[in-house]
Amino acid sequence: MRRFIAFVLAFTLFVSAKPLFASDWTKIAKRLFNASFALHTADGRIYCTGFMIDKVRKYALTAAHCVDGAREGTPIFADGDYAVVIFQDIQTDVAVLVLPGNQRKVDLKPASEVRVGQEAGSYGYAREIGFYEHFRVGHVAAVNQHVPWAEGTWIILDQALAGGMSGGPVVDRDGRV
């Protein structure tokens, strides 16, 4: 009987305390969904993620390896529309696209400071088994890290990502990129 009472008490405390201790990323995930899109091939296969950074100019950001080989002006398919590559840098793995027909909402702001241990959420269109939206949470493992094969300094995360999430946004708890 003691075990049963202890179990019921522990379960009740866990269930009632969970919202106090668990991270709730629901609002942030919705903001990421509104700003993100899937990049796909002409036959509809998903291969990467991108996200809007400027709704007025219709600029979007993705990873350069997602559009590798595409020249400026090359159309890339994004959510049933097309995007045009206007900039890519393989060294930093950054590409900027213009999405002429895109009406996605942009509600993301740049982060001013990133700290070790800070939670970070990633959103993208994973393609491990078919195509599905995917959100993962992890932590910042290191900042200002030098990577031998790339210029500049980098932020290192401890989260596992799925294929297809490349180019998607990584944000803090306040939705800042």
C-alpha atoms as a PDB file:
ATOM      1  CA  MET A   1       0.000   0.000   0.000  1.00  0.00           C
ATOM      2  CA  ARG A   2       2.884   2.369   0.785  1.00  0.00           C
ATOM      3  CA  ARG A   3       4.337   1.819  -2.665  1.00  0.00           C
ATOM      4  CA  PHE A   4       1.005   2.614  -4.260  1.00  0.00           C
ATOM      5  CA  ILE A   5       0.593   5.834  -2.245  1.00  0.00           C
ATOM      6  CA  ALA A   6       4.190   6.836  -2.961  1.00  0.00           C
ATOM      7  CA  PHE A   7       3.643   6.170  -6.677  1.00  0.00           C
ATOM      8  CA  VAL A   8       0.398   8.197  -6.757  1.00  0.00           C
ATOM      9  CA  LEU A   9       2.037  11.049  -4.844  1.00  0.00           C
ATOM     10  CA  ALA A  10       5.138  11.064  -7.076  1.00  0.00           C
ATOM     11  CA  PHE A  11       3.031  10.838 -10.228  1.00  0.00           C
ATOM     12  CA  THR A  12       0.764  13.688  -9.066  1.00  0.00           C
ATOM     13  CA  LEU A  13       3.727  15.893  -8.200  1.00  0.00           C
ATOM     14  CA  PHE A  14       5.406  15.095 -11.534  1.00  0.00           C
ATOM     15  CA  VAL A  15       2.277  15.849 -13.574  1.00  0.00           C
ATOM     16  CA  SER A  16       1.428  19.034 -11.675  1.00  0.00           C
ATOM     17  CA  ALA A  17       5.044  20.261 -11.624  1.00  0.00           C
ATOM     18  CA  LYS A  18       5.861  19.430 -15.227  1.00  0.00           C
ATOM     19  CA  PRO A  19       4.768  22.809 -16.659  1.00  0.00           C
ATOM     20  CA  LEU A  20       7.003  24.509 -14.097  1.00  0.00           C
ATOM     21  CA  PHE A  21      10.099  22.567 -15.113  1.00  0.00           C
ATOM     22  CA  ALA A  22       9.613  21.485 -18.722  1.00  0.00           C
ATOM     23  CA  SER A  23      10.561  23.807 -21.543  1.00  0.00           C
ATOM     24  CA  ASP A  24       7.547  24.875 -23.564  1.00  0.00           C
ATOM     25  CA  TRP A  25       8.626  25.743 -27.082  1.00  0.00           C
ATOM     26  CA  THR A  26       5.090  25.731 -28.568  1.00  0.00           C
ATOM     27  CA  LYS A  27       4.913  29.455 -29.366  1.00  0.00           C
ATOM     28  CA  ILE A  28       8.437  29.529 -30.754  1.00  0.00           C
ATOM     29  CA  ALA A  29       7.822  26.445 -32.912  1.00  0.00           C
ATOM     30  CA  LYS A  30       4.745  28.141 -34.399  1.00  0.00           C
ATOM     31  CA  ARG A  31       6.763  31.270 -35.221  1.00  0.00           C
ATOM     32  CA  LEU A  32       9.408  29.103 -36.885  1.00  0.00           C
ATOM     33  CA  PHE A  33       6.748  27.266 -38.887  1.00  0.00           C
ATOM     34  CA  ASN A  34       5.371  30.602 -40.117  1.00  0.00           C
ATOM     35  CA  ALA A  35       8.789  31.790 -41.287  1.00  0.00           C
ATOM     36  CA  SER A  36      10.197  28.503 -42.646  1.00  0.00           C
ATOM     37  CA  PHE A  37       9.731  26.644 -45.903  1.00  0.00           C
ATOM     38  CA  ALA A  38      10.952  23.468 -47.543  1.00  0.00           C
ATOM     39  CA  LEU A  39      13.329  23.592 -50.493  1.00  0.00           C
ATOM     40  CA  HIS A  40      12.677  20.817 -52.971  1.00  0.00           C
ATOM     41  CA  THR A  41      13.686  19.387 -56.289  1.00  0.00           C
ATOM     42  CA  ALA A  42      11.604  19.729 -59.454  1.00  0.00           C
ATOM     43  CA  ASP A  43      10.062  16.300 -58.758  1.00  0.00           C
ATOM     44  CA  GLY A  44       8.974  17.400 -55.266  1.00  0.00           C
ATOM     45  CA  ARG A  45      11.573  15.697 -53.055  1.00  0.00           C
ATOM     46  CA  ILE A  46      12.507  17.703 -49.964  1.00  0.00           C
ATOM     47  CA  TYR A  47      16.200  18.324 -49.523  1.00  0.00           C
ATOM     48  CA  CYS A  48      16.632  21.369 -47.264  1.00  0.00           C
ATOM     49  CA  THR A  49      14.954  24.098 -45.246  1.00  0.00           C
ATOM     50  CA  GLY A  50      15.010  27.882 -45.544  1.00  0.00           C
ATOM     51  CA  PHE A  51      13.459  30.739 -43.596  1.00  0.00           C
ATOM     52  CA  MET A  52      12.377  34.294 -44.272  1.00  0.00           C
ATOM     53  CA  ILE A  53      14.555  37.073 -42.900  1.00  0.00           C
ATOM     54  CA  ASP A  54      12.966  40.090 -44.623  1.00  0.00           C
ATOM     55  CA  LYS A  55       9.307  40.034 -45.710  1.00  0.00           C
ATOM     56  CA  VAL A  56       9.457  43.406 -47.488  1.00  0.00           C
ATOM     57  CA  ARG A  57      12.326  42.463 -49.789  1.00  0.00           C
ATOM     58  CA  LYS A  58      11.273  38.770 -49.654  1.00  0.00           C
ATOM     59  CA  TYR A  59      14.749  37.631 -48.619  1.00  0.00           C
ATOM     60  CA  ALA A  60      15.222  34.161 -47.197  1.00  0.00           C
ATOM     61  CA  LEU A  61      18.229  32.421 -45.726  1.00  0.00           C
ATOM     62  CA  THR A  62      19.376  28.824 -46.165  1.00  0.00           C
ATOM     63  CA  ALA A  63      22.595  26.826 -46.204  1.00  0.00           C
ATOM     64  CA  ALA A  64      24.825  27.295 -49.248  1.00  0.00           C
ATOM     65  CA  HIS A  65      25.256  23.536 -49.615  1.00  0.00           C
ATOM     66  CA  CYS A  66      21.477  23.393 -50.189  1.00  0.00           C
ATOM     67  CA  VAL A  67      21.849  25.404 -53.381  1.00  0.00           C
ATOM     68  CA  ASP A  68      25.395  24.285 -54.155  1.00  0.00           C
ATOM     69  CA  GLY A  69      26.158  24.682 -57.823  1.00  0.00           C
ATOM     70  CA  ALA A  70      23.261  27.054 -58.415  1.00  0.00           C
ATOM     71  CA  ARG A  71      24.323  30.307 -59.996  1.00  0.00           C
ATOM     72  CA  GLU A  72      22.841  33.693 -59.267  1.00  0.00           C
ATOM     73  CA  GLY A  73      19.403  33.820 -60.841  1.00  0.00           C
ATOM     74  CA  THR A  74      18.913  30.031 -60.746  1.00  0.00           C
ATOM     75  CA  PRO A  75      15.374  29.129 -59.625  1.00  0.00           C
ATOM     76  CA  ILE A  76      15.054  26.857 -56.596  1.00  0.00           C
ATOM     77  CA  PHE A  77      11.635  25.469 -55.641  1.00  0.00           C
ATOM     78  CA  ALA A  78      10.276  26.532 -52.265  1.00  0.00           C
ATOM     79  CA  ASP A  79       6.849  25.494 -51.001  1.00  0.00           C
ATOM     80  CA  GLY A  80       5.282  25.194 -54.435  1.00  0.00           C
ATOM     81  CA  ASP A  81       6.743  28.480 -55.612  1.00  0.00           C
ATOM     82  CA  TYR A  82      10.246  29.316 -56.676  1.00  0.00           C
ATOM     83  CA  ALA A  83      13.149  31.167 -55.152  1.00  0.00           C
ATOM     84  CA  VAL A  84      16.089  32.840 -56.827  1.00  0.00           C
ATOM     85  CA  VAL A  85      19.616  32.534 -55.435  1.00  0.00           C
ATOM     86  CA  ILE A  86      21.110  36.029 -55.033  1.00  0.00           C
ATOM     87  CA  PHE A  87      24.103  35.201 -52.829  1.00  0.00           C
ATOM     88  CA  GLN A  88      25.962  32.139 -51.621  1.00  0.00           C
ATOM     89  CA  ASP A  89      29.200  31.610 -49.759  1.00  0.00           C
ATOM     90  CA  ILE A  90      30.371  28.011 -49.538  1.00  0.00           C
ATOM     91  CA  GLN A  91      33.010  28.910 -46.907  1.00  0.00           C
ATOM     92  CA  THR A  92      30.418  30.068 -44.349  1.00  0.00           C
ATOM     93  CA  ASP A  93      27.658  27.830 -45.793  1.00  0.00           C
ATOM     94  CA  VAL A  94      25.207  30.719 -46.165  1.00  0.00           C
ATOM     95  CA  ALA A  95      22.905  31.471 -49.093  1.00  0.00           C
ATOM     96  CA  VAL A  96      20.358  34.261 -49.578  1.00  0.00           C
ATOM     97  CA  LEU A  97      17.306  33.701 -51.758  1.00  0.00           C
ATOM     98  CA  VAL A  98      14.499  35.923 -52.998  1.00  0.00           C
ATOM     99  CA  LEU A  99      11.020  34.377 -52.926  1.00  0.00           C
ATOM    100  CA  PRO A 100       8.952  36.617 -55.256  1.00  0.00           C
ATOM    101  CA  GLY A 101       5.571  35.069 -54.445  1.00  0.00           C
ATOM    102  CA  ASN A 102       6.151  34.295 -50.779  1.00  0.00           C
ATOM    103  CA  GLN A 103       3.728  35.616 -48.188  1.00  0.00           C
ATOM    104  CA  ARG A 104       5.288  33.955 -45.156  1.00  0.00           C
ATOM    105  CA  LYS A 105       5.283  35.869 -41.901  1.00  0.00           C
ATOM    106  CA  VAL A 106       8.610  36.960 -40.440  1.00  0.00           C
ATOM    107  CA  ASP A 107       8.607  37.219 -36.667  1.00  0.00           C
ATOM    108  CA  LEU A 108      12.227  36.361 -35.925  1.00  0.00           C
ATOM    109  CA  LYS A 109      14.806  38.779 -34.574  1.00  0.00           C
ATOM    110  CA  PRO A 110      18.597  38.517 -34.420  1.00  0.00           C
ATOM    111  CA  ALA A 111      20.110  37.409 -31.136  1.00  0.00           C
ATOM    112  CA  SER A 112      22.535  39.889 -29.634  1.00  0.00           C
ATOM    113  CA  GLU A 113      24.298  37.454 -27.337  1.00  0.00           C
ATOM    114  CA  VAL A 114      24.715  33.696 -27.288  1.00  0.00           C
ATOM    115  CA  ARG A 115      25.884  31.950 -24.135  1.00  0.00           C
ATOM    116  CA  VAL A 116      27.142  28.439 -23.387  1.00  0.00           C
ATOM    117  CA  GLY A 117      24.370  26.344 -21.832  1.00  0.00           C
ATOM    118  CA  GLN A 118      21.599  28.424 -23.408  1.00  0.00           C
ATOM    119  CA  GLU A 119      18.742  26.397 -24.916  1.00  0.00           C
ATOM    120  CA  ALA A 120      18.475  26.445 -28.688  1.00  0.00           C
ATOM    121  CA  GLY A 121      15.671  25.171 -30.894  1.00  0.00           C
ATOM    122  CA  SER A 122      15.997  24.101 -34.535  1.00  0.00           C
ATOM    123  CA  TYR A 123      13.192  23.810 -37.047  1.00  0.00           C
ATOM    124  CA  GLY A 124      13.215  22.177 -40.415  1.00  0.00           C
ATOM    125  CA  TYR A 125      11.764  19.732 -42.867  1.00  0.00           C
ATOM    126  CA  ALA A 126      13.343  16.393 -42.054  1.00  0.00           C
ATOM    127  CA  ARG A 127      13.451  13.725 -44.715  1.00  0.00           C
ATOM    128  CA  GLU A 128      14.602  10.676 -42.787  1.00  0.00           C
ATOM    129  CA  ILE A 129      11.387   8.747 -43.491  1.00  0.00           C
ATOM    130  CA  GLY A 130       9.382  10.734 -45.982  1.00  0.00           C
ATOM    131  CA  PHE A 131       8.842  14.421 -45.366  1.00  0.00           C
ATOM    132  CA  TYR A 132       7.765  15.909 -42.076  1.00  0.00           C
ATOM    133  CA  GLU A 133       8.212  19.080 -40.062  1.00  0.00           C
ATOM    134  CA  HIS A 134      10.691  18.630 -37.297  1.00  0.00           C
ATOM    135  CA  PHE A 135      11.620  20.643 -34.208  1.00  0.00           C
ATOM    136  CA  ARG A 136      14.566  19.799 -31.969  1.00  0.00           C
ATOM    137  CA  VAL A 137      15.847  21.405 -28.779  1.00  0.00           C
ATOM    138  CA  GLY A 138      19.408  21.333 -27.511  1.00  0.00           C
ATOM    139  CA  HIS A 139      21.958  23.613 -25.900  1.00  0.00           C
ATOM    140  CA  VAL A 140      24.786  25.866 -26.948  1.00  0.00           C
ATOM    141  CA  ALA A 141      27.916  23.820 -26.270  1.00  0.00           C
ATOM    142  CA  ALA A 142      30.516  26.451 -27.240  1.00  0.00           C
ATOM    143  CA  VAL A 143      30.771  29.963 -28.683  1.00  0.00           C
ATOM    144  CA  ASN A 144      33.528  31.702 -30.629  1.00  0.00           C
ATOM    145  CA  GLN A 145      34.994  28.385 -31.704  1.00  0.00           C
ATOM    146  CA  HIS A 146      37.588  28.276 -34.447  1.00  0.00           C
ATOM    147  CA  VAL A 147      36.957  25.575 -37.030  1.00  0.00           C
ATOM    148  CA  PRO A 148      40.072  24.593 -39.022  1.00  0.00           C
ATOM    149  CA  TRP A 149      38.313  24.259 -42.373  1.00  0.00           C
ATOM    150  CA  ALA A 150      36.308  27.529 -42.201  1.00  0.00           C
ATOM    151  CA  GLU A 151      36.985  31.193 -41.599  1.00  0.00           C
ATOM    152  CA  GLY A 152      35.663  33.081 -38.601  1.00  0.00           C
ATOM    153  CA  THR A 153      34.290  31.741 -35.346  1.00  0.00           C
ATOM    154  CA  TRP A 154      31.334  29.454 -34.858  1.00  0.00           C
ATOM    155  CA  ILE A 155      28.636  28.512 -32.375  1.00  0.00           C
ATOM    156  CA  ILE A 156      28.561  24.790 -31.538  1.00  0.00           C
ATOM    157  CA  LEU A 157      25.252  23.110 -30.576  1.00  0.00           C
ATOM    158  CA  ASP A 158      24.732  19.723 -28.938  1.00  0.00           C
ATOM    159  CA  GLN A 159      21.491  18.883 -30.721  1.00  0.00           C
ATOM    160  CA  ALA A 160      21.004  16.091 -33.199  1.00  0.00           C
ATOM    161  CA  LEU A 161      19.581  17.200 -36.521  1.00  0.00           C
ATOM    162  CA  ALA A 162      17.882  15.206 -39.233  1.00  0.00           C
ATOM    163  CA  GLY A 163      18.677  15.319 -42.938  1.00  0.00           C
ATOM    164  CA  GLY A 164      16.629  18.061 -44.580  1.00  0.00           C
ATOM    165  CA  MET A 165      16.899  20.450 -41.622  1.00  0.00           C
ATOM    166  CA  SER A 166      19.985  22.121 -43.140  1.00  0.00           C
ATOM    167  CA  GLY A 167      19.380  25.805 -43.696  1.00  0.00           C
ATOM    168  CA  GLY A 168      16.601  26.026 -41.120  1.00  0.00           C
ATOM    169  CA  PRO A 169      16.585  28.555 -38.287  1.00  0.00           C
ATOM    170  CA  VAL A 170      18.210  27.979 -34.904  1.00  0.00           C
ATOM    171  CA  VAL A 171      16.688  30.207 -32.229  1.00  0.00           C
ATOM    172  CA  ASP A 172      16.835  30.958 -28.531  1.00  0.00           C
ATOM    173  CA  ARG A 173      13.866  30.786 -26.101  1.00  0.00           C
ATOM    174  CA  ASP A 174      12.689  34.211 -27.278  1.00  0.00           C
ATOM    175  CA  GLY A 175      12.646  33.227 -30.957  1.00  0.00           C
ATOM    176  CA  ARG A 176      15.796  35.182 -31.811  1.00  0.00           C
ATOM    177  CA  VAL A 177      17.907  33.690 -34.606  1.00  0.00           C
END
